[in-house]
């Protein structure tokens, strides 16, 4: 056996005290570090930033000034955490939550039943992932089986809501793209599309040409809806404005990612123009 040669193992011989797929590049078992990274041991308060719900309907409320505000009533939760996505294992941090409602277990698919049976969770039909945020007030992290209630929006002024819009079927350009149409006199077809391209040049139809087609039934995100009320007992959330989707449609409600800046004041009669004030002071002098 030369100086640079490696020892050959017999058929039944094994390398003891080593781990790996072979002798090359293996590390002794006793040389592994026993200390874990500090970020694993540190416990941070992590909370979910969203909740699942349904659209109950629209109504109107009167504010303190007597103005009418159109509002939408939402059933927000209750939800349960069905899975915790980890950055080490999945590549990102998120929480999978499900809307708790009266659903027969037979209505679920077999993979969904097995996924929920791992942690003895109730049958849920609508499941989505929501982002997480760190909070210094509480302790601990998100665990499978934790409840998510509407109280997470206490103190929040704006929310983002994701839903599926109402399906309109196949529609023309007037309803789908708000075309003005042609003359409505006798003998005119005022709702037709019209010309869509030239014959000589460019001898084709440009991509993205607004034409007739399927309208609605698409994922729509409504941002920065103002929160007007939170009902913890009935799990209701009242927001100002409209929400995509029909009554009873599923929604994803989350805290606003880019809330608008609040106006601290506006120019009124008490505002002093420095240029005009300087001119008045010059006249008096």
Protein backbone atom coordinates (compact mmCIF):
# COMPACT_ATOMS: atom_id res chain seq x y z
CA UNK A 1 0.00 0.00 0.00
CA UNK A 2 1.60 3.27 -1.17
CA UNK A 3 1.59 6.59 0.56
CA UNK A 4 -1.21 8.11 -1.54
CA UNK A 5 -3.39 5.01 -1.86
CA UNK A 6 -6.65 4.51 0.02
CA UNK A 7 -7.50 1.37 2.01
CA UNK A 8 -9.94 -0.94 0.24
CA UNK A 9 -12.79 -2.42 2.17
CA UNK A 10 -13.94 -5.99 1.91
CA UNK A 11 -17.50 -6.91 1.00
CA UNK A 12 -18.86 -6.94 4.56
CA UNK A 13 -16.67 -4.18 6.04
CA UNK A 14 -18.20 -0.88 7.08
CA UNK A 15 -16.80 2.46 8.14
CA UNK A 16 -17.67 2.99 11.77
CA UNK A 17 -17.70 6.39 13.33
CA UNK A 18 -18.30 8.07 9.98
CA UNK A 19 -21.42 9.32 8.22
CA UNK A 20 -21.95 9.88 4.55
CA UNK A 21 -22.21 7.90 1.32
CA UNK A 22 -18.61 6.68 1.29
CA UNK A 23 -15.10 7.15 2.57
CA UNK A 24 -14.42 10.21 0.42
CA UNK A 25 -15.48 13.49 2.03
CA UNK A 26 -16.93 11.90 5.17
CA UNK A 27 -16.93 13.58 8.55
CA UNK A 28 -16.42 11.74 11.83
CA UNK A 29 -19.58 11.47 13.91
CA UNK A 30 -17.86 12.76 17.02
CA UNK A 31 -16.82 15.98 15.23
CA UNK A 32 -20.38 17.28 14.78
CA UNK A 33 -21.17 20.54 16.54
CA UNK A 34 -23.42 20.11 19.53
CA UNK A 35 -24.35 23.78 19.83
CA UNK A 36 -27.39 24.81 17.76
CA UNK A 37 -27.65 28.21 16.05
CA UNK A 38 -28.91 31.01 18.23
CA UNK A 39 -31.79 31.84 15.91
CA UNK A 40 -33.26 28.36 16.46
CA UNK A 41 -33.31 28.69 20.23
CA UNK A 42 -34.69 32.23 20.27
CA UNK A 43 -38.46 32.27 20.74
CA UNK A 44 -40.20 35.12 18.95
CA UNK A 45 -43.88 35.99 19.03
CA UNK A 46 -45.14 35.25 15.52
CA UNK A 47 -48.72 35.96 14.50
CA UNK A 48 -50.72 35.51 11.33
CA UNK A 49 -51.60 38.60 9.31
CA UNK A 50 -54.77 37.34 7.67
CA UNK A 51 -57.93 35.32 8.02
CA UNK A 52 -60.42 33.55 5.78
CA UNK A 53 -64.07 34.48 5.55
CA UNK A 54 -67.24 34.87 3.54
CA UNK A 55 -69.20 37.78 2.14
CA UNK A 56 -72.47 38.26 4.02
CA UNK A 57 -73.86 41.27 2.15
CA UNK A 58 -73.93 45.05 1.83
CA UNK A 59 -75.74 47.71 3.81
CA UNK A 60 -75.25 51.34 4.80
CA UNK A 61 -74.25 53.11 7.99
CA UNK A 62 -74.45 56.71 9.15
CA UNK A 63 -71.32 58.28 10.58
CA UNK A 64 -71.12 60.97 13.26
CA UNK A 65 -71.60 63.73 10.68
CA UNK A 66 -74.77 62.15 9.32
CA UNK A 67 -73.22 61.04 6.02
CA UNK A 68 -74.19 57.68 4.54
CA UNK A 69 -71.39 55.17 4.04
CA UNK A 70 -71.85 51.98 1.99
CA UNK A 71 -70.38 49.05 3.91
CA UNK A 72 -69.89 45.32 3.42
CA UNK A 73 -70.41 42.84 6.25
CA UNK A 74 -67.94 39.93 6.25
CA UNK A 75 -67.85 36.73 8.24
CA UNK A 76 -64.20 36.58 9.28
CA UNK A 77 -63.31 33.21 10.73
CA UNK A 78 -63.09 31.29 12.92
CA UNK A 79 -60.06 29.61 11.37
CA UNK A 80 -57.60 26.97 12.46
CA UNK A 81 -53.91 26.62 11.58
CA UNK A 82 -53.51 23.44 9.54
CA UNK A 83 -49.80 23.70 8.66
CA UNK A 84 -46.79 25.86 9.50
CA UNK A 85 -44.43 26.49 6.60
CA UNK A 86 -40.81 26.86 7.72
CA UNK A 87 -37.96 28.57 5.91
CA UNK A 88 -35.60 25.68 6.69
CA UNK A 89 -37.90 23.05 5.25
CA UNK A 90 -40.13 24.85 2.73
CA UNK A 91 -38.01 27.88 1.84
CA UNK A 92 -40.41 30.51 3.20
CA UNK A 93 -42.40 31.38 6.31
CA UNK A 94 -46.19 31.13 6.15
CA UNK A 95 -49.17 29.60 7.88
CA UNK A 96 -51.80 27.49 6.17
CA UNK A 97 -55.20 28.15 7.72
CA UNK A 98 -58.64 26.68 7.09
CA UNK A 99 -62.09 28.18 7.55
CA UNK A 100 -64.04 26.22 10.15
CA UNK A 101 -67.60 25.62 8.93
CA UNK A 102 -70.16 22.83 8.80
CA UNK A 103 -68.61 20.52 6.21
CA UNK A 104 -69.12 16.78 5.97
CA UNK A 105 -65.92 14.79 6.00
CA UNK A 106 -67.19 12.80 3.03
CA UNK A 107 -67.17 16.00 0.96
CA UNK A 108 -63.39 16.30 1.29
CA UNK A 109 -60.87 14.60 -0.92
CA UNK A 110 -58.84 11.73 0.44
CA UNK A 111 -55.54 13.73 0.48
CA UNK A 112 -57.28 16.56 2.37
CA UNK A 113 -58.66 14.12 4.93
CA UNK A 114 -55.23 12.64 5.49
CA UNK A 115 -53.65 16.08 5.76
CA UNK A 116 -56.10 17.11 8.49
CA UNK A 117 -56.06 13.76 10.30
CA UNK A 118 -52.33 14.08 11.05
CA UNK A 119 -53.08 16.66 13.76
CA UNK A 120 -56.68 15.66 14.56
CA UNK A 121 -58.16 18.81 12.97
CA UNK A 122 -61.81 19.39 12.05
CA UNK A 123 -62.84 19.01 8.40
CA UNK A 124 -62.26 22.27 6.52
CA UNK A 125 -62.93 22.84 2.83
CA UNK A 126 -61.39 26.28 2.19
CA UNK A 127 -57.66 26.45 2.99
CA UNK A 128 -55.16 29.15 2.04
CA UNK A 129 -51.74 30.40 3.13
CA UNK A 130 -51.25 33.74 4.87
CA UNK A 131 -48.12 35.64 5.79
CA UNK A 132 -46.64 35.87 9.29
CA UNK A 133 -45.37 38.80 11.29
CA UNK A 134 -43.29 39.06 14.45
CA UNK A 135 -44.84 40.69 17.48
CA UNK A 136 -42.90 41.65 20.59
CA UNK A 137 -45.92 41.73 22.92
CA UNK A 138 -46.72 38.01 23.00
CA UNK A 139 -44.67 34.87 23.35
CA UNK A 140 -44.29 31.71 21.31
CA UNK A 141 -44.79 30.88 17.65
CA UNK A 142 -47.60 29.69 15.45
CA UNK A 143 -48.56 26.07 16.10
CA UNK A 144 -50.77 23.67 14.20
CA UNK A 145 -54.22 23.69 15.77
CA UNK A 146 -54.15 27.33 16.94
CA UNK A 147 -57.30 29.35 16.39
CA UNK A 148 -57.33 32.49 14.27
CA UNK A 149 -60.12 34.90 15.15
CA UNK A 150 -61.30 38.28 13.91
CA UNK A 151 -59.66 39.99 16.89
CA UNK A 152 -56.38 40.15 14.93
CA UNK A 153 -57.82 43.23 13.18
CA UNK A 154 -58.31 45.20 16.38
CA UNK A 155 -56.55 48.52 15.98
CA UNK A 156 -56.16 48.07 12.21
CA UNK A 157 -57.51 50.85 9.99
CA UNK A 158 -57.23 49.24 6.56
CA UNK A 159 -57.35 45.70 5.16
CA UNK A 160 -56.74 44.01 1.80
CA UNK A 161 -59.36 41.56 0.55
CA UNK A 162 -58.90 38.94 -2.17
CA UNK A 163 -61.89 37.28 -3.80
CA UNK A 164 -63.23 35.86 -7.05
CA UNK A 165 -65.39 38.32 -8.96
CA UNK A 166 -68.84 37.49 -10.30
CA UNK A 167 -68.86 35.67 -13.61
CA UNK A 168 -70.56 37.54 -16.47
CA UNK A 169 -70.09 34.94 -19.20
CA UNK A 170 -69.27 35.93 -22.80
CA UNK A 171 -69.74 39.69 -23.21
CA UNK A 172 -69.20 42.26 -25.93
CA UNK A 173 -66.88 45.22 -26.05
CA UNK A 174 -69.43 47.73 -24.73
CA UNK A 175 -69.95 45.92 -21.44
CA UNK A 176 -66.50 44.34 -21.19
CA UNK A 177 -64.31 47.30 -22.17
CA UNK A 178 -66.78 50.21 -21.90
CA UNK A 179 -66.73 51.07 -25.61
CA UNK A 180 -68.94 54.00 -26.56
CA UNK A 181 -70.44 52.24 -29.58
CA UNK A 182 -71.71 53.79 -32.78
CA UNK A 183 -74.87 55.71 -33.71
CA UNK A 184 -78.04 54.29 -32.23
CA UNK A 185 -80.23 55.35 -35.16
CA UNK A 186 -82.12 52.95 -37.44
CA UNK A 187 -79.86 50.73 -39.52
CA UNK A 188 -76.79 51.01 -37.25
CA UNK A 189 -75.25 48.17 -35.29
CA UNK A 190 -73.86 50.35 -32.52
CA UNK A 191 -72.51 47.54 -30.29
CA UNK A 192 -70.23 45.83 -32.80
CA UNK A 193 -66.46 45.72 -32.26
CA UNK A 194 -65.48 47.53 -35.45
CA UNK A 195 -62.10 47.43 -37.14
CA UNK A 196 -59.34 45.58 -35.31
CA UNK A 197 -56.40 46.09 -37.71
CA UNK A 198 -55.18 47.10 -41.16
CA UNK A 199 -54.87 44.81 -44.18
CA UNK A 200 -51.72 46.20 -45.85
CA UNK A 201 -49.69 47.13 -42.80
CA UNK A 202 -49.07 45.52 -40.35
CA UNK A 203 -51.29 42.77 -41.82
CA UNK A 204 -51.97 41.29 -38.41
CA UNK A 205 -53.84 41.94 -35.19
CA UNK A 206 -51.81 43.31 -32.30
CA UNK A 207 -51.64 41.31 -29.08
CA UNK A 208 -53.89 42.55 -26.32
CA UNK A 209 -56.54 43.92 -28.68
CA UNK A 210 -59.70 44.64 -26.72
CA UNK A 211 -62.35 42.35 -28.11
CA UNK A 212 -65.35 40.30 -26.99
CA UNK A 213 -64.68 37.43 -24.62
CA UNK A 214 -65.10 35.91 -21.19
CA UNK A 215 -65.78 38.48 -18.48
CA UNK A 216 -65.54 38.10 -14.72
CA UNK A 217 -64.81 35.06 -12.52
CA UNK A 218 -61.24 36.24 -11.94
CA UNK A 219 -59.11 36.75 -8.84
CA UNK A 220 -59.48 40.37 -7.72
CA UNK A 221 -57.64 42.15 -4.91
CA UNK A 222 -59.32 45.13 -3.26
CA UNK A 223 -56.76 47.14 -1.33
CA UNK A 224 -57.01 49.58 1.57
CA UNK A 225 -60.63 49.06 2.60
CA UNK A 226 -61.33 51.00 5.77
CA UNK A 227 -62.35 48.97 8.81
CA UNK A 228 -65.47 50.39 10.45
CA UNK A 229 -66.28 47.72 13.01
CA UNK A 230 -65.19 44.41 14.54
CA UNK A 231 -67.65 42.04 16.25
CA UNK A 232 -65.80 39.39 18.26
CA UNK A 233 -68.89 37.47 19.38
CA UNK A 234 -70.34 36.94 15.91
CA UNK A 235 -66.96 36.92 14.06
CA UNK A 236 -68.04 39.81 11.84
CA UNK A 237 -65.95 42.48 10.15
CA UNK A 238 -67.46 45.63 8.65
CA UNK A 239 -65.49 47.40 5.92
CA UNK A 240 -66.31 50.46 3.85
CA UNK A 241 -66.94 49.92 0.15
CA UNK A 242 -67.57 46.92 -2.05
CA UNK A 243 -65.88 43.52 -1.98
CA UNK A 244 -65.34 41.26 -5.02
CA UNK A 245 -67.53 38.19 -5.34
CA UNK A 246 -71.14 37.19 -4.71
CA UNK A 247 -72.85 36.74 -1.37
CA UNK A 248 -71.45 33.67 0.31
CA UNK A 249 -68.23 33.84 -1.70
CA UNK A 250 -64.94 32.93 -0.04
CA UNK A 251 -62.50 35.74 0.78
CA UNK A 252 -58.94 36.17 2.03
CA UNK A 253 -58.75 39.10 4.45
CA UNK A 254 -55.32 40.38 5.44
CA UNK A 255 -53.78 43.46 6.96
CA UNK A 256 -53.05 46.21 4.45
CA UNK A 257 -49.56 45.91 2.97
CA UNK A 258 -49.38 49.56 1.85
CA UNK A 259 -51.91 51.55 3.88
CA UNK A 260 -52.54 55.12 2.70
CA UNK A 261 -51.03 58.03 4.55
CA UNK A 262 -53.47 59.80 6.82
CA UNK A 263 -54.06 63.47 6.11
CA UNK A 264 -53.04 65.48 9.15
CA UNK A 265 -54.63 68.69 7.91
CA UNK A 266 -55.56 70.77 4.88
CA UNK A 267 -55.17 74.36 3.74
CA UNK A 268 -58.02 76.43 5.13
CA UNK A 269 -58.84 79.98 6.13
CA UNK A 270 -56.38 79.86 9.03
CA UNK A 271 -53.45 79.07 6.77
CA UNK A 272 -50.98 81.98 6.42
CA UNK A 273 -49.33 82.57 3.04
CA UNK A 274 -45.78 83.78 3.76
CA UNK A 275 -45.56 85.77 0.50
CA UNK A 276 -48.78 87.68 1.17
CA UNK A 277 -47.78 88.24 4.80
CA UNK A 278 -44.46 89.75 3.67
CA UNK A 279 -46.25 92.12 1.26
CA UNK A 280 -48.64 93.29 3.98
CA UNK A 281 -45.74 93.91 6.35
CA UNK A 282 -43.95 95.95 3.63
CA UNK A 283 -47.03 98.15 3.05
CA UNK A 284 -47.41 98.86 6.75
CA UNK A 285 -43.76 99.80 7.04
